[in-house]
Amino acid sequence: MQDSPFLRACRRLPVEHTPVWFMRQAGRSLPEYRRVRADVPMLEACARPDMIVEITMQPVRRYDVDAAIYFSDIVVPLKAIGLDLDIKPGVGPVVAEPIRDAEGVKRLRDLDPGDVPYVTEAVGELVGELGDRPLIGFAGGPFTLASYLIEGGPSKNHEHTKALMYGAPDLWADLMRRLSAITLEFLKVQIAAGASAVQLFDSWVGALSAEDYRASVLPHTSWIFEELGRFDVPRIHFGVGTGELLSLLSEAGADVVGVDWRVPLDKAAQRVQPATALQGNLDPATLFAPWEAVAERTRDVLSRGRAAEGHIFNLGHGVLPTTDPDVLTRLTEFVHQETAR
């Protein structure tokens, strides 16, 4: 396992080829996923070990990627502690009672491993099926979780979130501490069951300025990564639209920083802290272009990725739902061939 190209790249060690995996590699772009998920609500699928295992394995079988990522959703641990929320098709997570005051924050109790027994069972089964292929654990970052809870669902402007962050900093800090503890415990459960690496998706954190991130988010993500440092697993940090935050995302303590498609990897390598590997960063929309364009842009990503101390090939965000799965299969093979050493 430790000799896998994915884990070696995370640790900035020489690799036999650039490793590949795709964010949202298990999902709506796969016809087998749509068949398995037919008439099964998302949060139910995320709590059934049989479905978690099957959906996690589907892209591994189809694409031959270098790592699997645990199938879940960022709100799963929040649902597990009793919050009234659901994932609405075509909308995303929706919270019945948004949290905007001290009483609401107090509803966030600690997560106990007994709240998520399906995680332990599913990860154990996956580790057995994957053999020497790593499994990446998964959790949502505290800012993104806070935004869903405060806004009551997805938001373009995060106005209620920022209003609380700016206007009630003590309450904001309490909320972030509680969410960070929940996130950490959710990742620890996955690690204890056998996950070989973890990724923290703070998807919406790019909505913040560098100053706001440093003051209101960095202390909490740093604490998560510091606590995870007690385990011998690589830590990946990713957010969307974070070009101006890359140095801070790296400063938080991750071993690998995911880069979206807006910043070339050679430029990103100059922004992150020393001893940091990079992950990314082909624009997901590229996969709808003719193959010649896909190949050309992939070569460019790989070339720029050589400036990083370690490079894991990925998209700059998740696989889009209408992506042709055969293109991803071809892309994985292409990256492996282009970088074979």
Protein backbone atom coordinates (compact mmCIF):
# COMPACT_ATOMS: atom_id res chain seq x y z
CA MET A 1 0.00 0.00 0.00
CA GLN A 2 2.69 2.52 0.97
CA ASP A 3 4.33 2.00 -2.43
CA SER A 4 1.19 3.06 -4.29
CA PRO A 5 1.83 5.99 -6.66
CA PHE A 6 -0.94 7.99 -4.97
CA LEU A 7 0.49 7.75 -1.45
CA ARG A 8 4.04 8.29 -2.70
CA ALA A 9 3.01 11.44 -4.57
CA CYS A 10 1.21 12.72 -1.47
CA ARG A 11 4.50 12.31 0.40
CA ARG A 12 6.50 13.94 -2.42
CA LEU A 13 8.37 10.73 -3.26
CA PRO A 14 9.35 9.48 -6.75
CA VAL A 15 6.52 7.65 -8.54
CA GLU A 16 6.31 5.18 -11.44
CA HIS A 17 3.63 7.37 -13.02
CA THR A 18 1.60 10.41 -12.02
CA PRO A 19 -1.33 9.05 -10.01
CA VAL A 20 -4.90 9.85 -11.05
CA TRP A 21 -8.24 10.08 -9.31
CA PHE A 22 -11.23 12.33 -9.91
CA MET A 23 -13.32 14.30 -7.47
CA ARG A 24 -16.92 13.04 -7.80
CA GLN A 25 -15.60 10.06 -9.76
CA ALA A 26 -18.48 8.07 -8.25
CA GLY A 27 -21.69 9.78 -9.26
CA ARG A 28 -24.25 10.79 -11.80
CA SER A 29 -21.95 10.51 -14.81
CA LEU A 30 -21.95 6.71 -14.37
CA PRO A 31 -24.95 4.73 -15.65
CA GLU A 32 -24.22 2.03 -13.06
CA TYR A 33 -24.46 4.66 -10.33
CA ARG A 34 -27.82 5.87 -11.62
CA ARG A 35 -29.11 2.30 -11.61
CA VAL A 36 -27.98 1.66 -8.03
CA ARG A 37 -29.31 5.00 -6.78
CA ALA A 38 -32.66 4.76 -8.57
CA ASP A 39 -35.40 5.68 -6.07
CA VAL A 40 -32.89 5.69 -3.16
CA PRO A 41 -32.51 9.10 -1.46
CA MET A 42 -28.93 10.36 -1.21
CA LEU A 43 -28.69 10.30 2.59
CA GLU A 44 -30.12 6.79 2.70
CA ALA A 45 -27.50 5.65 0.18
CA CYS A 46 -24.80 7.25 2.36
CA ALA A 47 -25.96 5.21 5.37
CA ARG A 48 -26.12 1.78 3.67
CA PRO A 49 -22.78 -0.06 3.69
CA ASP A 50 -23.71 -2.18 0.66
CA MET A 51 -24.43 0.91 -1.43
CA ILE A 52 -21.40 2.80 -0.14
CA VAL A 53 -19.12 -0.07 -1.12
CA GLU A 54 -20.68 -0.58 -4.54
CA ILE A 55 -20.71 3.11 -5.47
CA THR A 56 -17.15 3.68 -4.20
CA MET A 57 -15.90 0.74 -6.28
CA GLN A 58 -17.68 1.61 -9.53
CA PRO A 59 -15.16 4.20 -10.80
CA VAL A 60 -12.24 2.03 -9.69
CA ARG A 61 -13.50 -0.80 -11.89
CA ARG A 62 -14.32 1.46 -14.82
CA TYR A 63 -11.44 3.97 -14.81
CA ASP A 64 -8.62 2.05 -13.06
CA VAL A 65 -7.81 5.17 -11.02
CA ASP A 66 -5.00 5.07 -8.48
CA ALA A 67 -7.22 5.73 -5.46
CA ALA A 68 -10.84 5.35 -4.42
CA ILE A 69 -12.69 7.98 -2.45
CA TYR A 70 -15.23 7.05 0.17
CA PHE A 71 -18.78 7.68 -1.08
CA SER A 72 -20.56 10.07 1.25
CA ASP A 73 -21.79 13.64 1.52
CA ILE A 74 -20.48 16.49 3.62
CA VAL A 75 -23.73 16.71 5.63
CA VAL A 76 -23.72 13.03 6.66
CA PRO A 77 -22.14 13.68 10.10
CA LEU A 78 -24.60 16.53 10.71
CA LYS A 79 -27.51 14.22 9.94
CA ALA A 80 -25.94 11.61 12.22
CA ILE A 81 -26.04 13.95 15.24
CA GLY A 82 -29.74 14.56 14.72
CA LEU A 83 -30.06 17.73 12.64
CA ASP A 84 -33.18 17.97 10.51
CA LEU A 85 -31.77 18.22 7.01
CA ASP A 86 -32.12 16.55 3.64
CA ILE A 87 -30.52 16.61 0.22
CA LYS A 88 -33.02 17.83 -2.34
CA PRO A 89 -32.43 16.64 -5.92
CA GLY A 90 -31.31 19.52 -8.08
CA VAL A 91 -30.85 21.78 -5.03
CA GLY A 92 -28.44 20.24 -2.53
CA PRO A 93 -28.45 20.13 1.27
CA VAL A 94 -31.45 21.89 2.83
CA VAL A 95 -31.67 22.56 6.56
CA ALA A 96 -35.15 22.73 8.15
CA GLU A 97 -34.13 25.21 10.86
CA PRO A 98 -31.13 27.37 9.91
CA ILE A 99 -28.67 28.02 12.73
CA ARG A 100 -28.21 31.74 13.36
CA ASP A 101 -28.10 32.16 17.13
CA ALA A 102 -26.57 30.68 20.27
CA GLU A 103 -29.49 28.30 20.85
CA GLY A 104 -29.05 26.91 17.38
CA VAL A 105 -25.32 26.41 17.82
CA LYS A 106 -25.95 24.50 21.05
CA ARG A 107 -27.85 21.89 19.02
CA LEU A 108 -24.53 20.77 17.55
CA ARG A 109 -23.39 17.97 19.83
CA ASP A 110 -20.20 15.96 19.40
CA LEU A 111 -20.17 13.09 16.93
CA ASP A 112 -19.67 9.65 18.44
CA PRO A 113 -18.38 6.70 16.37
CA GLY A 114 -21.57 4.90 17.36
CA ASP A 115 -23.52 7.51 15.39
CA VAL A 116 -22.01 6.26 12.12
CA PRO A 117 -21.55 2.47 12.38
CA TYR A 118 -22.16 2.18 8.63
CA VAL A 119 -18.94 4.14 8.01
CA THR A 120 -16.80 1.65 9.93
CA GLU A 121 -18.48 -1.30 8.22
CA ALA A 122 -18.25 0.15 4.72
CA VAL A 123 -14.63 1.30 5.02
CA GLY A 124 -13.62 -2.12 6.36
CA GLU A 125 -15.25 -3.86 3.39
CA LEU A 126 -13.73 -1.40 0.93
CA VAL A 127 -10.21 -1.85 2.27
CA GLY A 128 -10.62 -5.59 1.74
CA GLU A 129 -11.84 -5.14 -1.84
CA LEU A 130 -9.30 -2.49 -2.81
CA GLY A 131 -6.25 -4.51 -1.76
CA ASP A 132 -3.16 -2.38 -2.40
CA ARG A 133 -5.18 0.54 -3.80
CA PRO A 134 -5.67 3.37 -1.27
CA LEU A 135 -9.01 4.60 0.01
CA ILE A 136 -9.35 8.34 0.60
CA GLY A 137 -11.51 9.40 3.53
CA PHE A 138 -13.80 12.36 3.05
CA ALA A 139 -15.33 15.21 5.04
CA GLY A 140 -16.62 18.74 4.53
CA GLY A 141 -14.65 21.70 5.81
CA PRO A 142 -16.03 23.81 8.67
CA PHE A 143 -16.72 26.97 6.66
CA THR A 144 -18.75 25.10 4.05
CA LEU A 145 -20.70 23.22 6.70
CA ALA A 146 -21.33 26.49 8.54
CA SER A 147 -22.62 28.12 5.37
CA TYR A 148 -25.15 25.35 4.72
CA LEU A 149 -26.34 25.46 8.31
CA ILE A 150 -26.64 29.25 8.49
CA GLU A 151 -28.08 29.85 5.02
CA GLY A 152 -30.40 26.84 5.23
CA GLY A 153 -29.09 25.55 1.89
CA PRO A 154 -26.78 26.47 -0.99
CA SER A 155 -25.97 30.17 -1.34
CA LYS A 156 -24.26 32.30 -3.96
CA ASN A 157 -23.41 35.21 -1.68
CA HIS A 158 -23.28 33.60 1.81
CA GLU A 159 -24.82 36.78 3.19
CA HIS A 160 -26.21 35.30 6.40
CA THR A 161 -22.97 33.41 6.97
CA LYS A 162 -20.79 36.48 6.58
CA ALA A 163 -23.17 38.59 8.65
CA LEU A 164 -22.78 36.17 11.57
CA MET A 165 -19.01 35.89 11.03
CA TYR A 166 -18.57 39.68 10.98
CA GLY A 167 -21.22 40.61 13.54
CA ALA A 168 -20.96 37.86 16.15
CA PRO A 169 -17.34 36.65 16.15
CA ASP A 170 -17.63 34.80 19.48
CA LEU A 171 -20.68 32.88 18.30
CA TRP A 172 -18.94 32.21 14.98
CA ALA A 173 -15.90 30.81 16.79
CA ASP A 174 -18.12 28.53 18.89
CA LEU A 175 -19.89 27.27 15.77
CA MET A 176 -16.60 26.63 13.98
CA ARG A 177 -15.13 24.80 16.98
CA ARG A 178 -18.11 22.48 17.14
CA LEU A 179 -18.12 21.81 13.41
CA SER A 180 -14.37 21.22 13.40
CA ALA A 181 -14.72 18.65 16.19
CA ILE A 182 -17.50 16.86 14.26
CA THR A 183 -15.43 16.88 11.07
CA LEU A 184 -12.34 15.58 12.85
CA GLU A 185 -14.24 12.72 14.48
CA PHE A 186 -15.85 11.75 11.15
CA LEU A 187 -12.40 11.53 9.54
CA LYS A 188 -10.94 9.66 12.52
CA VAL A 189 -13.66 7.01 12.19
CA GLN A 190 -12.66 6.49 8.55
CA ILE A 191 -8.96 6.36 9.40
CA ALA A 192 -9.54 3.88 12.23
CA ALA A 193 -11.43 1.63 9.83
CA GLY A 194 -8.60 1.67 7.27
CA ALA A 195 -8.66 4.83 5.10
CA SER A 196 -5.15 5.54 3.78
CA ALA A 197 -5.55 9.31 3.25
CA VAL A 198 -8.15 11.99 3.92
CA GLN A 199 -9.42 14.99 2.00
CA LEU A 200 -11.10 18.00 3.57
CA PHE A 201 -13.48 19.63 1.06
CA ASP A 202 -14.06 23.24 2.09
CA SER A 203 -15.88 23.88 -1.14
CA TRP A 204 -17.21 27.41 -0.53
CA VAL A 205 -14.24 28.89 1.32
CA GLY A 206 -13.19 30.71 -1.85
CA ALA A 207 -16.00 33.17 -1.07
CA LEU A 208 -13.75 34.70 1.61
CA SER A 209 -10.95 37.23 1.37
CA ALA A 210 -7.53 36.16 2.57
CA GLU A 211 -7.88 38.38 5.66
CA ASP A 212 -11.24 36.87 6.60
CA TYR A 213 -9.95 33.35 6.02
CA ARG A 214 -6.91 33.94 8.21
CA ALA A 215 -8.95 35.45 11.04
CA SER A 216 -12.10 33.32 10.99
CA VAL A 217 -11.32 29.94 9.39
CA LEU A 218 -7.59 29.19 9.43
CA PRO A 219 -7.38 28.56 13.22
CA HIS A 220 -10.04 25.87 12.91
CA THR A 221 -8.75 24.09 9.80
CA SER A 222 -5.24 24.23 11.28
CA TRP A 223 -6.55 22.49 14.39
CA ILE A 224 -8.16 19.75 12.29
CA PHE A 225 -4.96 19.09 10.33
CA GLU A 226 -2.81 19.25 13.47
CA GLU A 227 -4.99 16.61 15.13
CA LEU A 228 -4.92 14.46 11.98
CA GLY A 229 -1.14 14.71 12.05
CA ARG A 230 -1.17 12.12 14.82
CA PHE A 231 -2.07 9.52 12.21
CA ASP A 232 0.22 8.28 9.48
CA VAL A 233 -2.07 9.34 6.62
CA PRO A 234 -1.61 12.08 4.02
CA ARG A 235 -3.96 15.06 4.41
CA ILE A 236 -5.45 16.87 1.39
CA HIS A 237 -7.08 20.31 1.50
CA PHE A 238 -9.33 21.55 -1.30
CA GLY A 239 -11.57 24.53 -1.96
CA VAL A 240 -13.08 26.14 -5.05
CA GLY A 241 -12.03 29.61 -6.20
CA THR A 242 -9.15 29.67 -3.74
CA GLY A 243 -6.40 31.14 -5.91
CA GLU A 244 -5.85 33.98 -3.44
CA LEU A 245 -5.97 31.54 -0.52
CA LEU A 246 -3.56 28.84 -1.67
CA SER A 247 -0.78 29.94 0.65
CA LEU A 248 -3.18 29.94 3.60
CA LEU A 249 -4.72 26.58 2.66
CA SER A 250 -1.19 25.22 2.68
CA GLU A 251 -0.37 26.99 5.93
CA ALA A 252 -3.28 25.16 7.57
CA GLY A 253 -1.10 22.07 7.56
CA ALA A 254 -2.19 19.74 4.77
CA ASP A 255 0.36 17.57 2.95
CA VAL A 256 -1.42 18.17 -0.38
CA VAL A 257 -3.31 21.25 -1.60
CA GLY A 258 -5.93 20.77 -4.28
CA VAL A 259 -5.94 23.50 -6.95
CA ASP A 260 -8.95 24.37 -9.08
CA TRP A 261 -8.57 25.09 -12.79
CA ARG A 262 -8.22 28.86 -12.40
CA VAL A 263 -4.57 28.82 -11.30
CA PRO A 264 -1.86 27.01 -13.35
CA LEU A 265 -0.02 24.45 -11.25
CA ASP A 266 3.38 26.05 -11.76
CA LYS A 267 1.98 29.30 -10.35
CA ALA A 268 0.27 27.40 -7.52
CA ALA A 269 3.58 25.74 -6.64
CA GLN A 270 5.00 29.22 -5.99
CA ARG A 271 2.11 30.14 -3.67
CA VAL A 272 1.97 27.13 -1.35
CA GLN A 273 4.31 26.48 1.55
CA PRO A 274 7.45 24.37 1.02
CA ALA A 275 7.02 20.59 1.41
CA THR A 276 3.54 20.66 -0.14
CA ALA A 277 2.33 18.44 -2.98
CA LEU A 278 -0.35 19.65 -5.40
CA GLN A 279 -3.49 17.99 -6.74
CA GLY A 280 -5.31 19.00 -9.91
CA ASN A 281 -6.25 20.67 -12.06
CA LEU A 282 -7.83 20.06 -15.50
CA ASP A 283 -11.00 22.11 -16.05
CA PRO A 284 -13.90 19.61 -15.84
CA ALA A 285 -15.52 21.26 -18.86
CA THR A 286 -12.50 20.27 -20.98
CA LEU A 287 -13.85 16.72 -21.07
CA PHE A 288 -16.62 17.86 -23.43
CA ALA A 289 -14.11 19.00 -26.07
CA PRO A 290 -12.67 16.79 -28.84
CA TRP A 291 -10.04 14.35 -27.58
CA GLU A 292 -7.19 16.27 -29.21
CA ALA A 293 -8.01 19.28 -27.03
CA VAL A 294 -8.34 17.09 -23.93
CA ALA A 295 -4.93 15.54 -24.59
CA GLU A 296 -3.27 18.91 -25.26
CA ARG A 297 -4.62 20.48 -22.09
CA THR A 298 -3.78 17.40 -20.05
CA ARG A 299 -0.17 17.54 -21.25
CA ASP A 300 -0.08 21.19 -20.18
CA VAL A 301 -1.34 20.31 -16.68
CA LEU A 302 1.22 17.52 -16.39
CA SER A 303 4.02 19.79 -17.58
CA ARG A 304 3.14 22.53 -15.11
CA GLY A 305 2.69 19.92 -12.38
CA ARG A 306 6.40 19.13 -12.59
CA ALA A 307 7.03 22.40 -10.75
CA ALA A 308 5.36 20.92 -7.65
CA GLU A 309 7.21 18.79 -5.12
CA GLY A 310 4.62 16.09 -5.77
CA HIS A 311 1.68 15.95 -8.19
CA ILE A 312 -1.59 14.02 -8.20
CA PHE A 313 -3.57 14.46 -11.41
CA ASN A 314 -7.21 15.38 -10.90
CA LEU A 315 -9.81 17.75 -12.23
CA GLY A 316 -10.05 21.29 -10.90
CA HIS A 317 -13.39 20.35 -9.33
CA GLY A 318 -15.81 17.43 -9.53
CA VAL A 319 -16.79 15.39 -12.58
CA LEU A 320 -19.78 17.09 -14.22
CA PRO A 321 -22.93 14.92 -14.32
CA THR A 322 -23.18 14.70 -18.12
CA THR A 323 -19.51 13.78 -18.66
CA ASP A 324 -18.92 10.74 -20.89
CA PRO A 325 -17.39 8.07 -18.61
CA ASP A 326 -15.38 6.67 -21.52
CA VAL A 327 -13.44 9.95 -21.72
CA LEU A 328 -12.40 9.57 -18.08
CA THR A 329 -11.25 6.01 -18.73
CA ARG A 330 -9.19 7.20 -21.68
CA LEU A 331 -7.86 10.16 -19.68
CA THR A 332 -6.63 7.94 -16.84
CA GLU A 333 -4.80 5.68 -19.28
CA PHE A 334 -3.37 8.71 -21.10
CA VAL A 335 -1.93 10.25 -17.92
CA HIS A 336 -0.39 6.93 -16.92
CA GLN A 337 1.21 6.49 -20.36
CA GLU A 338 2.44 10.08 -20.64
CA THR A 339 4.16 9.98 -17.26
CA ALA A 340 5.43 6.39 -17.12
CA ARG A 341 8.98 6.31 -15.78
